[in-house]
Amino acid sequence: MRLPFAKFDPGQAGRVVPPTGFTANLTVLTAAAMAFLAVFALALCFATDRLATRWSDSLARSATVRISAPTEQMQSQTDAVLQVLSETPGIADYGVLNNDQMTGLLSPWFGPDLPIDTLPLPNLVEITETAVGFDSEGLRLRLAAEAPGAVLDDHSRWRRPLVAAASRLRLLGVVSLLLIGGAMAGMITLAAQAALAANTQVIRTLRLIGAQDRFVARAFVRRFTARGIWGACFGTGLAMLAVASLPAADTAGGFLTGLGFSGAGWIWPLLIPVTAGGVAWLATRLASARVLKGIR
């Protein structure tokens, strides 16, 4: 039996939910942990995108011609390659790598004391493209005719794996964010259900004096949404401090030194508490509607 004359102030609905206890701590801790992980998932996505873009751009504007020929033919074939490159549109610059440059390329693998002069290494011609680029297939055909020992490498075999890896890592980051949101929703749903079950007698009493289910649901939704936002703010702030303390990206393009945000990218983590609040609101609303139907 309900008392039709009872009045309830919607602004006081939050007092129905206990302000402390196991469910409060669980909600705040879950939101903080999930927000912390979400920031690093975002940082991984941004770092992967920057690294792939940097590597892809640097490789896309360069190419290499490798000349392998007998010693007596090496110079003539090198001259033929240079002549072909000088007549090819779309090439901004080119040049044969000298011994010092070859040593610099090989020293990371063989050390700085590598005897370049005593090794039968091919000649390498480094090419820098213009913004328009050149016809790689046409250049290969001309090189095959003029210098049979010359092989053009336009770095496409390097770019394709980079683009594929970056795409998969970005997909992994998005999937991680979805899983984090799902785990947060599940934990908050369990916490809300536990709080509703623990307050069954209070809910029944409120119904007897005229409270509607939407009043009780509003109380739990407000309280758990506030807890979710507060916990997400704490976790996001802590994660942003941790990301800011990581080494900045270096010119070598190291992945671990570029894990972070830059410029306007720092705005994205600030959206995590808002998203966490929306997840908490939806999860608590669905949980309260389901549990209240089962309380008679």
Protein backbone atom coordinates (compact mmCIF):
# COMPACT_ATOMS: atom_id res chain seq x y z
CA MET A 1 0.00 0.00 0.00
CA ARG A 2 1.34 3.43 -0.96
CA LEU A 3 0.60 6.73 0.74
CA PRO A 4 -0.39 9.12 -2.05
CA PHE A 5 0.21 12.28 -0.05
CA ALA A 6 3.98 11.83 0.43
CA LYS A 7 6.19 14.31 -1.43
CA PHE A 8 9.82 13.78 -2.38
CA ASP A 9 12.34 16.37 -3.43
CA PRO A 10 14.31 15.06 -6.45
CA GLY A 11 17.33 17.02 -5.24
CA GLN A 12 17.45 14.88 -2.08
CA ALA A 13 17.35 11.58 -3.95
CA GLY A 14 21.05 10.95 -3.45
CA ARG A 15 20.54 10.55 0.31
CA VAL A 16 18.92 7.17 -0.30
CA VAL A 17 22.31 5.68 -1.25
CA PRO A 18 24.85 5.15 1.56
CA PRO A 19 27.76 7.57 0.96
CA THR A 20 30.44 5.07 2.02
CA GLY A 21 30.94 1.37 2.06
CA PHE A 22 32.13 -1.46 -0.17
CA THR A 23 30.18 -0.42 -3.26
CA ALA A 24 31.39 3.18 -3.05
CA ASN A 25 35.03 2.13 -2.80
CA LEU A 26 34.62 -0.44 -5.58
CA THR A 27 33.10 2.11 -7.96
CA VAL A 28 35.75 4.74 -7.35
CA LEU A 29 38.61 2.24 -7.57
CA THR A 30 37.25 0.67 -10.75
CA ALA A 31 36.75 4.02 -12.46
CA ALA A 32 40.25 5.18 -11.47
CA ALA A 33 41.94 1.99 -12.67
CA MET A 34 40.04 1.89 -15.95
CA ALA A 35 40.74 5.58 -16.65
CA PHE A 36 44.43 5.02 -15.93
CA LEU A 37 44.58 2.16 -18.43
CA ALA A 38 42.54 4.12 -20.98
CA VAL A 39 45.05 6.98 -20.96
CA PHE A 40 47.89 4.60 -21.77
CA ALA A 41 45.82 2.93 -24.49
CA LEU A 42 45.27 6.37 -26.04
CA ALA A 43 48.97 7.16 -25.69
CA LEU A 44 49.82 3.91 -27.48
CA CYS A 45 47.49 4.79 -30.36
CA PHE A 46 48.94 8.28 -30.77
CA ALA A 47 52.55 7.11 -30.45
CA THR A 48 52.02 4.36 -33.03
CA ASP A 49 50.42 6.78 -35.46
CA ARG A 50 53.25 9.33 -35.11
CA LEU A 51 55.98 6.73 -35.44
CA ALA A 52 54.44 5.10 -38.50
CA THR A 53 53.85 8.49 -40.13
CA ARG A 54 57.42 9.59 -39.47
CA TRP A 55 58.97 6.39 -40.79
CA SER A 56 56.62 6.17 -43.75
CA ASP A 57 57.23 9.79 -44.78
CA SER A 58 60.99 9.43 -44.55
CA LEU A 59 60.96 6.24 -46.62
CA ALA A 60 58.39 7.50 -49.11
CA ARG A 61 60.62 10.39 -50.22
CA SER A 62 63.75 8.25 -50.65
CA ALA A 63 64.96 5.30 -52.72
CA THR A 64 68.19 3.42 -53.28
CA VAL A 65 69.91 1.93 -56.30
CA ARG A 66 72.23 -0.98 -55.50
CA ILE A 67 74.91 -1.67 -58.10
CA SER A 68 76.49 -5.14 -58.02
CA ALA A 69 78.96 -5.78 -60.83
CA PRO A 70 82.48 -7.08 -61.43
CA THR A 71 85.24 -4.72 -60.34
CA GLU A 72 86.17 -3.75 -63.89
CA GLN A 73 82.52 -2.85 -64.69
CA MET A 74 81.56 -1.15 -61.42
CA GLN A 75 82.53 2.38 -62.41
CA SER A 76 80.97 2.21 -65.87
CA GLN A 77 77.69 0.88 -64.54
CA THR A 78 77.71 3.48 -61.77
CA ASP A 79 78.17 6.23 -64.36
CA ALA A 80 75.33 4.75 -66.42
CA VAL A 81 73.04 4.76 -63.38
CA LEU A 82 73.89 8.38 -62.61
CA GLN A 83 73.18 9.34 -66.21
CA VAL A 84 69.78 7.63 -66.11
CA LEU A 85 68.91 9.35 -62.83
CA SER A 86 69.86 12.74 -64.21
CA GLU A 87 67.36 12.25 -67.02
CA THR A 88 64.52 10.92 -64.85
CA PRO A 89 61.80 13.41 -63.86
CA GLY A 90 60.64 13.40 -60.26
CA ILE A 91 64.12 13.03 -58.71
CA ALA A 92 65.24 15.98 -56.60
CA ASP A 93 68.73 14.75 -55.69
CA TYR A 94 70.96 11.69 -55.94
CA GLY A 95 74.49 10.68 -55.08
CA VAL A 96 76.81 7.71 -54.55
CA LEU A 97 77.50 6.88 -50.90
CA ASN A 98 81.18 7.15 -50.00
CA ASN A 99 83.11 4.88 -47.62
CA ASP A 100 82.36 7.02 -44.57
CA GLN A 101 78.63 6.87 -45.26
CA MET A 102 78.80 3.12 -45.86
CA THR A 103 80.64 2.71 -42.56
CA GLY A 104 77.93 4.70 -40.80
CA LEU A 105 75.25 2.43 -42.26
CA LEU A 106 77.02 -0.81 -41.32
CA SER A 107 78.56 0.17 -37.97
CA PRO A 108 75.41 -0.55 -35.91
CA TRP A 109 75.69 -4.20 -36.98
CA PHE A 110 79.45 -4.74 -37.50
CA GLY A 111 81.04 -2.03 -35.37
CA PRO A 112 82.96 1.12 -36.32
CA ASP A 113 86.18 -0.71 -37.26
CA LEU A 114 84.74 -2.49 -40.27
CA PRO A 115 87.35 -2.58 -43.11
CA ILE A 116 85.18 -1.21 -45.90
CA ASP A 117 88.03 -1.08 -48.44
CA THR A 118 88.67 -4.82 -48.21
CA LEU A 119 85.05 -5.93 -48.59
CA PRO A 120 83.33 -6.56 -51.93
CA LEU A 121 80.42 -4.22 -51.21
CA PRO A 122 78.09 -2.91 -53.93
CA ASN A 123 77.86 0.75 -54.76
CA LEU A 124 74.81 2.47 -53.34
CA VAL A 125 73.16 5.49 -54.92
CA GLU A 126 70.79 7.37 -52.64
CA ILE A 127 67.82 9.07 -54.33
CA THR A 128 65.62 11.84 -52.95
CA GLU A 129 62.28 12.26 -54.68
CA THR A 130 60.35 15.42 -55.37
CA ALA A 131 56.82 15.89 -54.02
CA VAL A 132 55.47 14.46 -57.30
CA GLY A 133 57.77 11.41 -57.25
CA PHE A 134 59.07 9.32 -60.14
CA ASP A 135 57.83 6.36 -62.13
CA SER A 136 59.50 3.45 -60.34
CA GLU A 137 58.56 0.83 -62.95
CA GLY A 138 59.85 2.97 -65.82
CA LEU A 139 63.09 3.65 -63.92
CA ARG A 140 63.58 -0.07 -63.29
CA LEU A 141 63.24 -0.81 -66.99
CA ARG A 142 65.77 1.87 -67.94
CA LEU A 143 68.24 0.69 -65.31
CA ALA A 144 67.90 -2.90 -66.50
CA ALA A 145 68.76 -1.78 -70.03
CA GLU A 146 71.60 0.61 -69.18
CA ALA A 147 73.11 -1.07 -66.09
CA PRO A 148 72.21 -4.76 -65.67
CA GLY A 149 73.80 -4.88 -62.22
CA ALA A 150 71.62 -2.06 -60.82
CA VAL A 151 68.59 -2.81 -58.64
CA LEU A 152 66.12 -0.11 -57.57
CA ASP A 153 64.66 -0.29 -54.08
CA ASP A 154 61.87 2.27 -53.60
CA HIS A 155 61.32 1.11 -49.99
CA SER A 156 57.75 -0.03 -50.70
CA ARG A 157 58.49 -3.35 -49.01
CA TRP A 158 59.41 -1.37 -45.88
CA ARG A 159 56.41 0.94 -46.01
CA ARG A 160 53.79 -1.77 -46.38
CA PRO A 161 54.68 -3.64 -43.15
CA LEU A 162 54.86 -0.33 -41.28
CA VAL A 163 51.43 0.76 -42.43
CA ALA A 164 49.98 -2.68 -41.66
CA ALA A 165 51.61 -2.77 -38.21
CA ALA A 166 50.42 0.75 -37.40
CA SER A 167 46.89 -0.09 -38.48
CA ARG A 168 46.82 -3.22 -36.34
CA LEU A 169 48.25 -1.42 -33.31
CA ARG A 170 45.67 1.35 -33.65
CA LEU A 171 42.97 -1.31 -33.90
CA LEU A 172 44.42 -2.96 -30.80
CA GLY A 173 44.25 0.37 -28.98
CA VAL A 174 40.61 0.90 -29.96
CA VAL A 175 39.72 -2.65 -28.90
CA SER A 176 41.53 -2.07 -25.60
CA LEU A 177 39.49 1.07 -24.99
CA LEU A 178 36.27 -0.82 -25.70
CA LEU A 179 37.28 -3.62 -23.35
CA ILE A 180 38.21 -1.11 -20.66
CA GLY A 181 34.81 0.56 -21.02
CA GLY A 182 33.07 -2.81 -20.91
CA ALA A 183 34.97 -3.90 -17.79
CA MET A 184 34.15 -0.62 -16.10
CA ALA A 185 30.47 -0.95 -16.98
CA GLY A 186 30.40 -4.50 -15.66
CA MET A 187 32.05 -3.62 -12.34
CA ILE A 188 29.81 -0.61 -11.79
CA THR A 189 26.77 -2.71 -12.64
CA LEU A 190 27.77 -5.26 -10.00
CA ALA A 191 28.39 -2.50 -7.47
CA ALA A 192 25.02 -0.88 -8.18
CA GLN A 193 23.22 -4.22 -7.93
CA ALA A 194 24.95 -4.95 -4.61
CA ALA A 195 23.97 -1.51 -3.28
CA LEU A 196 20.37 -1.97 -4.38
CA ALA A 197 20.21 -5.43 -2.83
CA ALA A 198 21.68 -4.14 0.43
CA ASN A 199 19.01 -1.44 0.58
CA THR A 200 16.02 -3.64 -0.24
CA GLN A 201 14.24 -2.82 3.00
CA VAL A 202 14.84 0.91 2.52
CA ILE A 203 13.44 0.71 -1.03
CA ARG A 204 10.34 -1.14 0.17
CA THR A 205 9.81 1.45 2.90
CA LEU A 206 10.14 4.28 0.39
CA ARG A 207 7.56 2.59 -1.81
CA LEU A 208 5.16 2.33 1.12
CA ILE A 209 5.30 6.08 1.73
CA GLY A 210 4.70 6.87 -1.93
CA ALA A 211 8.15 6.93 -3.61
CA GLN A 212 8.19 5.92 -7.25
CA ASP A 213 10.83 3.61 -8.70
CA ARG A 214 12.21 6.43 -10.81
CA PHE A 215 12.96 8.36 -7.60
CA VAL A 216 14.96 5.44 -6.20
CA ALA A 217 16.67 4.82 -9.56
CA ARG A 218 17.58 8.50 -9.83
CA ALA A 219 19.22 8.34 -6.41
CA PHE A 220 21.48 5.44 -7.36
CA VAL A 221 22.22 6.79 -10.84
CA ARG A 222 23.32 10.16 -9.49
CA ARG A 223 25.48 8.72 -6.75
CA PHE A 224 27.23 6.09 -8.88
CA THR A 225 27.72 8.50 -11.79
CA ALA A 226 29.38 10.98 -9.44
CA ARG A 227 31.60 8.24 -8.06
CA GLY A 228 32.55 7.12 -11.54
CA ILE A 229 33.47 10.65 -12.63
CA TRP A 230 35.47 11.31 -9.47
CA GLY A 231 37.41 8.06 -9.78
CA ALA A 232 38.03 8.60 -13.50
CA CYS A 233 39.33 12.11 -12.85
CA PHE A 234 41.80 10.76 -10.30
CA GLY A 235 42.96 7.93 -12.56
CA THR A 236 43.23 10.19 -15.60
CA GLY A 237 45.23 12.81 -13.74
CA LEU A 238 47.62 10.20 -12.36
CA ALA A 239 48.09 8.61 -15.80
CA MET A 240 48.69 11.98 -17.48
CA LEU A 241 51.42 12.74 -14.95
CA ALA A 242 52.97 9.33 -15.65
CA VAL A 243 52.83 9.86 -19.42
CA ALA A 244 54.30 13.35 -19.09
CA SER A 245 57.25 11.91 -17.16
CA LEU A 246 58.19 9.56 -20.02
CA PRO A 247 61.11 10.54 -22.30
CA ALA A 248 60.16 12.73 -25.25
CA ALA A 249 60.39 11.45 -28.80
CA ASP A 250 63.92 11.60 -30.23
CA THR A 251 65.06 12.17 -33.78
CA ALA A 252 65.91 8.50 -34.20
CA GLY A 253 62.23 7.68 -34.02
CA GLY A 254 62.50 5.37 -31.02
CA PHE A 255 59.12 3.95 -30.11
CA LEU A 256 59.45 3.92 -26.33
CA THR A 257 60.72 7.51 -26.29
CA GLY A 258 57.68 8.74 -28.18
CA LEU A 259 54.96 7.19 -26.02
CA GLY A 260 52.85 10.17 -25.07
CA PHE A 261 50.80 13.11 -26.27
CA SER A 262 51.82 16.33 -27.94
CA GLY A 263 50.08 19.63 -28.54
CA ALA A 264 46.32 19.34 -28.84
CA GLY A 265 46.60 15.60 -28.22
CA TRP A 266 46.54 16.30 -24.48
CA ILE A 267 42.84 17.19 -24.85
CA TRP A 268 41.89 13.59 -25.58
CA PRO A 269 42.63 12.19 -22.08
CA LEU A 270 40.42 14.91 -20.61
CA LEU A 271 37.45 13.28 -22.35
CA ILE A 272 37.94 10.06 -20.41
CA PRO A 273 36.19 11.24 -17.18
CA VAL A 274 33.23 12.43 -19.27
CA THR A 275 33.07 9.08 -21.03
CA ALA A 276 33.43 7.25 -17.70
CA GLY A 277 30.54 9.26 -16.31
CA GLY A 278 28.38 8.29 -19.28
CA VAL A 279 29.30 4.62 -18.86
CA ALA A 280 28.51 4.77 -15.13
CA TRP A 281 25.19 6.53 -15.80
CA LEU A 282 24.08 3.96 -18.37
CA ALA A 283 25.27 0.95 -16.37
CA THR A 284 23.60 2.12 -13.15
CA ARG A 285 20.38 3.05 -14.92
CA LEU A 286 20.06 -0.38 -16.52
CA ALA A 287 21.04 -2.15 -13.29
CA SER A 288 18.59 -0.19 -11.15
CA ALA A 289 15.72 -0.75 -13.58
CA ARG A 290 16.39 -4.50 -13.60
CA VAL A 291 16.81 -4.87 -9.83
CA LEU A 292 13.85 -2.67 -8.90
CA LYS A 293 11.56 -4.85 -11.01
CA GLY A 294 12.61 -7.83 -8.94
CA ILE A 295 11.92 -6.18 -5.57
CA ARG A 296 8.35 -6.66 -4.47
